[in-house]
PDB file of N, CA and C in Angstrom:
ATOM      1  N   MET A   1    -105.068  17.986  52.470  1.00  0.00           N
ATOM      2  CA  MET A   1    -104.404  18.164  51.242  1.00  0.00           C
ATOM      3  C   MET A   1    -104.940  19.324  50.422  1.00  0.00           C
ATOM      4  N   GLY A   2    -106.182  19.703  50.665  1.00  0.00           N
ATOM      5  CA  GLY A   2    -106.718  20.795  49.904  1.00  0.00           C
ATOM      6  C   GLY A   2    -107.254  20.403  48.565  1.00  0.00           C
ATOM      7  N   PRO A   3    -107.777  21.365  47.814  1.00  0.00           N
ATOM      8  CA  PRO A   3    -108.299  21.070  46.470  1.00  0.00           C
ATOM      9  C   PRO A   3    -107.270  20.512  45.567  1.00  0.00           C
ATOM     10  N   LEU A   4    -107.753  19.541  44.749  1.00  0.00           N
ATOM     11  CA  LEU A   4    -106.832  18.922  43.784  1.00  0.00           C
ATOM     12  C   LEU A   4    -106.974  19.370  42.340  1.00  0.00           C
ATOM     13  N   GLY A   5    -107.986  20.265  42.113  1.00  0.00           N
ATOM     14  CA  GLY A   5    -108.234  20.770  40.785  1.00  0.00           C
ATOM     15  C   GLY A   5    -109.244  19.962  40.080  1.00  0.00           C
ATOM     16  N   GLU A   6    -109.493  20.300  38.790  1.00  0.00           N
ATOM     17  CA  GLU A   6    -110.495  19.595  37.977  1.00  0.00           C
ATOM     18  C   GLU A   6    -109.925  18.273  37.429  1.00  0.00           C
ATOM     19  N   PRO A   7    -110.780  17.306  37.237  1.00  0.00           N
ATOM     20  CA  PRO A   7    -110.285  16.092  36.655  1.00  0.00           C
ATOM     21  C   PRO A   7    -109.791  16.301  35.193  1.00  0.00           C
ATOM     22  N   VAL A   8    -108.856  15.556  34.869  1.00  0.00           N
ATOM     23  CA  VAL A   8    -108.295  15.636  33.465  1.00  0.00           C
ATOM     24  C   VAL A   8    -109.086  14.716  32.519  1.00  0.00           C
ATOM     25  N   ALA A   9    -109.614  13.640  33.032  1.00  0.00           N
ATOM     26  CA  ALA A   9    -110.412  12.740  32.194  1.00  0.00           C
ATOM     27  C   ALA A   9    -111.397  12.023  33.125  1.00  0.00           C
ATOM     28  N   ALA A  10    -112.449  11.454  32.493  1.00  0.00           N
ATOM     29  CA  ALA A  10    -113.498  10.674  33.238  1.00  0.00           C
ATOM     30  C   ALA A  10    -114.005   9.572  32.400  1.00  0.00           C
ATOM     31  N   ARG A  11    -114.458   8.489  32.969  1.00  0.00           N
ATOM     32  CA  ARG A  11    -114.965   7.365  32.280  1.00  0.00           C
ATOM     33  C   ARG A  11    -116.192   6.820  33.006  1.00  0.00           C
ATOM     34  N   VAL A  12    -117.270   6.526  32.244  1.00  0.00           N
ATOM     35  CA  VAL A  12    -118.441   5.842  32.880  1.00  0.00           C
ATOM     36  C   VAL A  12    -118.428   4.394  32.418  1.00  0.00           C
ATOM     37  N   THR A  13    -118.495   3.506  33.345  1.00  0.00           N
ATOM     38  CA  THR A  13    -118.519   2.089  33.071  1.00  0.00           C
ATOM     39  C   THR A  13    -119.850   1.517  33.530  1.00  0.00           C
ATOM     40  N   ARG A  14    -120.545   0.801  32.638  1.00  0.00           N
ATOM     41  CA  ARG A  14    -121.773   0.109  32.986  1.00  0.00           C
ATOM     42  C   ARG A  14    -121.466  -1.371  32.981  1.00  0.00           C
ATOM     43  N   TRP A  15    -121.724  -1.908  34.163  1.00  0.00           N
ATOM     44  CA  TRP A  15    -121.388  -3.372  34.374  1.00  0.00           C
ATOM     45  C   TRP A  15    -122.606  -4.178  33.807  1.00  0.00           C
ATOM     46  N   ASP A  16    -122.278  -5.038  32.836  1.00  0.00           N
ATOM     47  CA  ASP A  16    -123.293  -5.951  32.290  1.00  0.00           C
ATOM     48  C   ASP A  16    -123.805  -6.840  33.409  1.00  0.00           C
ATOM     49  N   ARG A  17    -125.115  -6.940  33.570  1.00  0.00           N
ATOM     50  CA  ARG A  17    -125.784  -7.714  34.528  1.00  0.00           C
ATOM     51  C   ARG A  17    -125.621  -7.234  35.956  1.00  0.00           C
ATOM     52  N   GLY A  18    -125.259  -5.969  36.074  1.00  0.00           N
ATOM     53  CA  GLY A  18    -125.084  -5.308  37.336  1.00  0.00           C
ATOM     54  C   GLY A  18    -126.452  -4.693  37.786  1.00  0.00           C
ATOM     55  N   LEU A  19    -126.367  -3.676  38.631  1.00  0.00           N
ATOM     56  CA  LEU A  19    -127.572  -3.034  39.017  1.00  0.00           C
ATOM     57  C   LEU A  19    -128.275  -2.376  37.847  1.00  0.00           C
ATOM     58  N   PRO A  20    -129.559  -2.224  37.879  1.00  0.00           N
ATOM     59  CA  PRO A  20    -130.280  -1.635  36.769  1.00  0.00           C
ATOM     60  C   PRO A  20    -129.825  -0.205  36.409  1.00  0.00           C
ATOM     61  N   GLN A  21    -129.768   0.135  35.193  1.00  0.00           N
ATOM     62  CA  GLN A  21    -129.445   1.447  34.705  1.00  0.00           C
ATOM     63  C   GLN A  21    -130.654   1.997  33.950  1.00  0.00           C
ATOM     64  N   TYR A  22    -131.452   2.779  34.706  1.00  0.00           N
ATOM     65  CA  TYR A  22    -132.710   3.248  34.206  1.00  0.00           C
ATOM     66  C   TYR A  22    -132.437   4.263  33.121  1.00  0.00           C
ATOM     67  N   GLU A  23    -133.245   4.286  32.029  1.00  0.00           N
ATOM     68  CA  GLU A  23    -133.073   5.238  30.979  1.00  0.00           C
ATOM     69  C   GLU A  23    -133.888   6.488  31.211  1.00  0.00           C
ATOM     70  N   VAL A  24    -133.616   7.530  30.494  1.00  0.00           N
ATOM     71  CA  VAL A  24    -134.330   8.825  30.614  1.00  0.00           C
ATOM     72  C   VAL A  24    -135.851   8.491  30.437  1.00  0.00           C
ATOM     73  N   GLY A  25    -136.664   9.080  31.315  1.00  0.00           N
ATOM     74  CA  GLY A  25    -138.082   8.840  31.202  1.00  0.00           C
ATOM     75  C   GLY A  25    -138.649   7.690  32.043  1.00  0.00           C
ATOM     76  N   HIS A  26    -137.664   7.007  32.670  1.00  0.00           N
ATOM     77  CA  HIS A  26    -138.099   5.830  33.445  1.00  0.00           C
ATOM     78  C   HIS A  26    -139.087   6.176  34.574  1.00  0.00           C
ATOM     79  N   HIS A  27    -138.748   7.229  35.296  1.00  0.00           N
ATOM     80  CA  HIS A  27    -139.630   7.591  36.440  1.00  0.00           C
ATOM     81  C   HIS A  27    -141.008   7.967  36.058  1.00  0.00           C
ATOM     82  N   ASP A  28    -141.133   8.657  34.909  1.00  0.00           N
ATOM     83  CA  ASP A  28    -142.521   9.007  34.396  1.00  0.00           C
ATOM     84  C   ASP A  28    -143.252   7.734  33.958  1.00  0.00           C
ATOM     85  N   ARG A  29    -142.555   6.843  33.357  1.00  0.00           N
ATOM     86  CA  ARG A  29    -143.160   5.579  32.901  1.00  0.00           C
ATOM     87  C   ARG A  29    -143.614   4.775  34.121  1.00  0.00           C
ATOM     88  N   VAL A  30    -142.851   4.702  35.189  1.00  0.00           N
ATOM     89  CA  VAL A  30    -143.197   3.940  36.331  1.00  0.00           C
ATOM     90  C   VAL A  30    -144.398   4.610  37.034  1.00  0.00           C
ATOM     91  N   ARG A  31    -144.365   5.927  37.057  1.00  0.00           N
ATOM     92  CA  ARG A  31    -145.507   6.674  37.657  1.00  0.00           C
ATOM     93  C   ARG A  31    -146.844   6.317  36.940  1.00  0.00           C
ATOM     94  N   ARG A  32    -146.781   6.279  35.601  1.00  0.00           N
ATOM     95  CA  ARG A  32    -148.010   5.947  34.866  1.00  0.00           C
ATOM     96  C   ARG A  32    -148.438   4.467  35.121  1.00  0.00           C
ATOM     97  N   ILE A  33    -147.458   3.615  35.219  1.00  0.00           N
ATOM     98  CA  ILE A  33    -147.830   2.225  35.486  1.00  0.00           C
ATOM     99  C   ILE A  33    -148.385   2.036  36.890  1.00  0.00           C
ATOM    100  N   ARG A  34    -147.826   2.709  37.852  1.00  0.00           N
ATOM    101  CA  ARG A  34    -148.360   2.634  39.231  1.00  0.00           C
ATOM    102  C   ARG A  34    -149.746   3.231  39.332  1.00  0.00           C
ATOM    103  N   GLU A  35    -149.990   4.296  38.586  1.00  0.00           N
ATOM    104  CA  GLU A  35    -151.346   4.950  38.587  1.00  0.00           C
ATOM    105  C   GLU A  35    -152.354   3.932  38.101  1.00  0.00           C
ATOM    106  N   ALA A  36    -152.062   3.222  36.968  1.00  0.00           N
ATOM    107  CA  ALA A  36    -152.919   2.193  36.409  1.00  0.00           C
ATOM    108  C   ALA A  36    -153.103   1.050  37.402  1.00  0.00           C
ATOM    109  N   ALA A  37    -151.994   0.617  38.013  1.00  0.00           N
ATOM    110  CA  ALA A  37    -152.048  -0.536  38.972  1.00  0.00           C
ATOM    111  C   ALA A  37    -152.870  -0.184  40.226  1.00  0.00           C
ATOM    112  N   SER A  38    -152.899   1.106  40.564  1.00  0.00           N
ATOM    113  CA  SER A  38    -153.609   1.468  41.782  1.00  0.00           C
ATOM    114  C   SER A  38    -155.061   1.248  41.690  1.00  0.00           C
ATOM    115  N   LYS A  39    -155.619   1.058  40.538  1.00  0.00           N
ATOM    116  CA  LYS A  39    -157.030   0.730  40.343  1.00  0.00           C
ATOM    117  C   LYS A  39    -157.324  -0.750  40.669  1.00  0.00           C
ATOM    118  N   LEU A  40    -156.317  -1.487  40.903  1.00  0.00           N
ATOM    119  CA  LEU A  40    -156.503  -2.918  41.242  1.00  0.00           C
ATOM    120  C   LEU A  40    -155.812  -3.095  42.617  1.00  0.00           C
ATOM    121  N   PRO A  41    -156.582  -2.995  43.707  1.00  0.00           N
ATOM    122  CA  PRO A  41    -156.027  -3.038  45.057  1.00  0.00           C
ATOM    123  C   PRO A  41    -155.298  -4.319  45.415  1.00  0.00           C
ATOM    124  N   VAL A  42    -155.519  -5.384  44.721  1.00  0.00           N
ATOM    125  CA  VAL A  42    -154.842  -6.640  45.102  1.00  0.00           C
ATOM    126  C   VAL A  42    -153.559  -6.830  44.281  1.00  0.00           C
ATOM    127  N   LEU A  43    -153.166  -5.775  43.606  1.00  0.00           N
ATOM    128  CA  LEU A  43    -151.921  -5.865  42.784  1.00  0.00           C
ATOM    129  C   LEU A  43    -150.895  -4.860  43.334  1.00  0.00           C
ATOM    130  N   ALA A  44    -149.716  -5.328  43.536  1.00  0.00           N
ATOM    131  CA  ALA A  44    -148.596  -4.482  43.973  1.00  0.00           C
ATOM    132  C   ALA A  44    -147.426  -4.755  43.077  1.00  0.00           C
ATOM    133  N   LEU A  45    -146.722  -3.719  42.744  1.00  0.00           N
ATOM    134  CA  LEU A  45    -145.562  -3.882  41.843  1.00  0.00           C
ATOM    135  C   LEU A  45    -144.297  -3.676  42.598  1.00  0.00           C
ATOM    136  N   CYS A  46    -143.313  -4.465  42.371  1.00  0.00           N
ATOM    137  CA  CYS A  46    -142.035  -4.248  42.987  1.00  0.00           C
ATOM    138  C   CYS A  46    -140.926  -4.926  42.151  1.00  0.00           C
ATOM    139  N   GLY A  47    -139.703  -4.552  42.446  1.00  0.00           N
ATOM    140  CA  GLY A  47    -138.587  -5.168  41.748  1.00  0.00           C
ATOM    141  C   GLY A  47    -137.750  -4.152  41.023  1.00  0.00           C
ATOM    142  N   ALA A  48    -136.701  -4.623  40.437  1.00  0.00           N
ATOM    143  CA  ALA A  48    -135.734  -3.770  39.763  1.00  0.00           C
ATOM    144  C   ALA A  48    -136.320  -3.167  38.501  1.00  0.00           C
ATOM    145  N   ALA A  49    -137.339  -3.678  37.929  1.00  0.00           N
ATOM    146  CA  ALA A  49    -137.930  -3.038  36.750  1.00  0.00           C
ATOM    147  C   ALA A  49    -138.641  -1.716  37.067  1.00  0.00           C
ATOM    148  N   TYR A  50    -138.963  -1.499  38.295  1.00  0.00           N
ATOM    149  CA  TYR A  50    -139.738  -0.317  38.722  1.00  0.00           C
ATOM    150  C   TYR A  50    -138.793   0.670  39.443  1.00  0.00           C
ATOM    151  N   GLU A  51    -138.301   0.294  40.598  1.00  0.00           N
ATOM    152  CA  GLU A  51    -137.367   1.142  41.290  1.00  0.00           C
ATOM    153  C   GLU A  51    -136.848   0.337  42.497  1.00  0.00           C
ATOM    154  N   GLY A  52    -135.586   0.351  42.591  1.00  0.00           N
ATOM    155  CA  GLY A  52    -134.951  -0.344  43.751  1.00  0.00           C
ATOM    156  C   GLY A  52    -134.811  -1.898  43.474  1.00  0.00           C
ATOM    157  N   VAL A  53    -133.813  -2.403  44.163  1.00  0.00           N
ATOM    158  CA  VAL A  53    -133.517  -3.828  43.971  1.00  0.00           C
ATOM    159  C   VAL A  53    -133.464  -4.595  45.228  1.00  0.00           C
ATOM    160  N   GLY A  54    -133.938  -3.950  46.296  1.00  0.00           N
ATOM    161  CA  GLY A  54    -133.825  -4.621  47.609  1.00  0.00           C
ATOM    162  C   GLY A  54    -135.023  -5.419  48.078  1.00  0.00           C
ATOM    163  N   VAL A  55    -134.847  -6.226  49.072  1.00  0.00           N
ATOM    164  CA  VAL A  55    -135.910  -6.942  49.654  1.00  0.00           C
ATOM    165  C   VAL A  55    -136.952  -6.093  50.297  1.00  0.00           C
ATOM    166  N   ALA A  56    -136.583  -4.886  50.822  1.00  0.00           N
ATOM    167  CA  ALA A  56    -137.499  -3.924  51.410  1.00  0.00           C
ATOM    168  C   ALA A  56    -138.640  -3.558  50.452  1.00  0.00           C
ATOM    169  N   ALA A  57    -138.337  -3.388  49.198  1.00  0.00           N
ATOM    170  CA  ALA A  57    -139.405  -3.043  48.219  1.00  0.00           C
ATOM    171  C   ALA A  57    -140.404  -4.160  48.092  1.00  0.00           C
ATOM    172  N   CYS A  58    -139.945  -5.366  48.140  1.00  0.00           N
ATOM    173  CA  CYS A  58    -140.822  -6.523  48.039  1.00  0.00           C
ATOM    174  C   CYS A  58    -141.714  -6.629  49.299  1.00  0.00           C
ATOM    175  N   ARG A  59    -141.067  -6.350  50.427  1.00  0.00           N
ATOM    176  CA  ARG A  59    -141.819  -6.393  51.712  1.00  0.00           C
ATOM    177  C   ARG A  59    -142.863  -5.320  51.729  1.00  0.00           C
ATOM    178  N   ALA A  60    -142.580  -4.122  51.235  1.00  0.00           N
ATOM    179  CA  ALA A  60    -143.576  -3.048  51.180  1.00  0.00           C
ATOM    180  C   ALA A  60    -144.748  -3.475  50.265  1.00  0.00           C
ATOM    181  N   ALA A  61    -144.454  -4.093  49.120  1.00  0.00           N
ATOM    182  CA  ALA A  61    -145.440  -4.478  48.231  1.00  0.00           C
ATOM    183  C   ALA A  61    -146.389  -5.523  48.842  1.00  0.00           C
ATOM    184  N   ALA A  62    -145.822  -6.456  49.579  1.00  0.00           N
ATOM    185  CA  ALA A  62    -146.612  -7.505  50.291  1.00  0.00           C
ATOM    186  C   ALA A  62    -147.530  -6.864  51.338  1.00  0.00           C
ATOM    187  N   ARG A  63    -147.005  -5.910  52.079  1.00  0.00           N
ATOM    188  CA  ARG A  63    -147.769  -5.174  53.079  1.00  0.00           C
ATOM    189  C   ARG A  63    -148.963  -4.483  52.438  1.00  0.00           C
ATOM    190  N   GLN A  64    -148.721  -3.862  51.261  1.00  0.00           N
ATOM    191  CA  GLN A  64    -149.744  -3.106  50.469  1.00  0.00           C
ATOM    192  C   GLN A  64    -150.888  -4.037  50.089  1.00  0.00           C
ATOM    193  N   VAL A  65    -150.555  -5.248  49.665  1.00  0.00           N
ATOM    194  CA  VAL A  65    -151.606  -6.182  49.260  1.00  0.00           C
ATOM    195  C   VAL A  65    -152.357  -6.656  50.474  1.00  0.00           C
ATOM    196  N   LEU A  66    -151.648  -6.987  51.569  1.00  0.00           N
ATOM    197  CA  LEU A  66    -152.275  -7.501  52.711  1.00  0.00           C
ATOM    198  C   LEU A  66    -153.182  -6.493  53.420  1.00  0.00           C
ATOM    199  N   ALA A  67    -152.870  -5.220  53.219  1.00  0.00           N
ATOM    200  CA  ALA A  67    -153.702  -4.111  53.800  1.00  0.00           C
ATOM    201  C   ALA A  67    -154.937  -4.028  53.033  1.00  0.00           C
TER     202      ALA A  67
END
């Protein structure tokens, strides 16, 4: 079909109770939290509050604590 041109309008929809919508500065805040938590080797952080919402993040945190 080829190029369709520029959009005429756009809309951003945020679904209430959907996937997390991190605010500006989130990654820096998480970096500082992780740096502080790294001083406690038996503590691992995971979950949607930090980054990612999958089971893989929880599994990685469990491995970190067990190591």
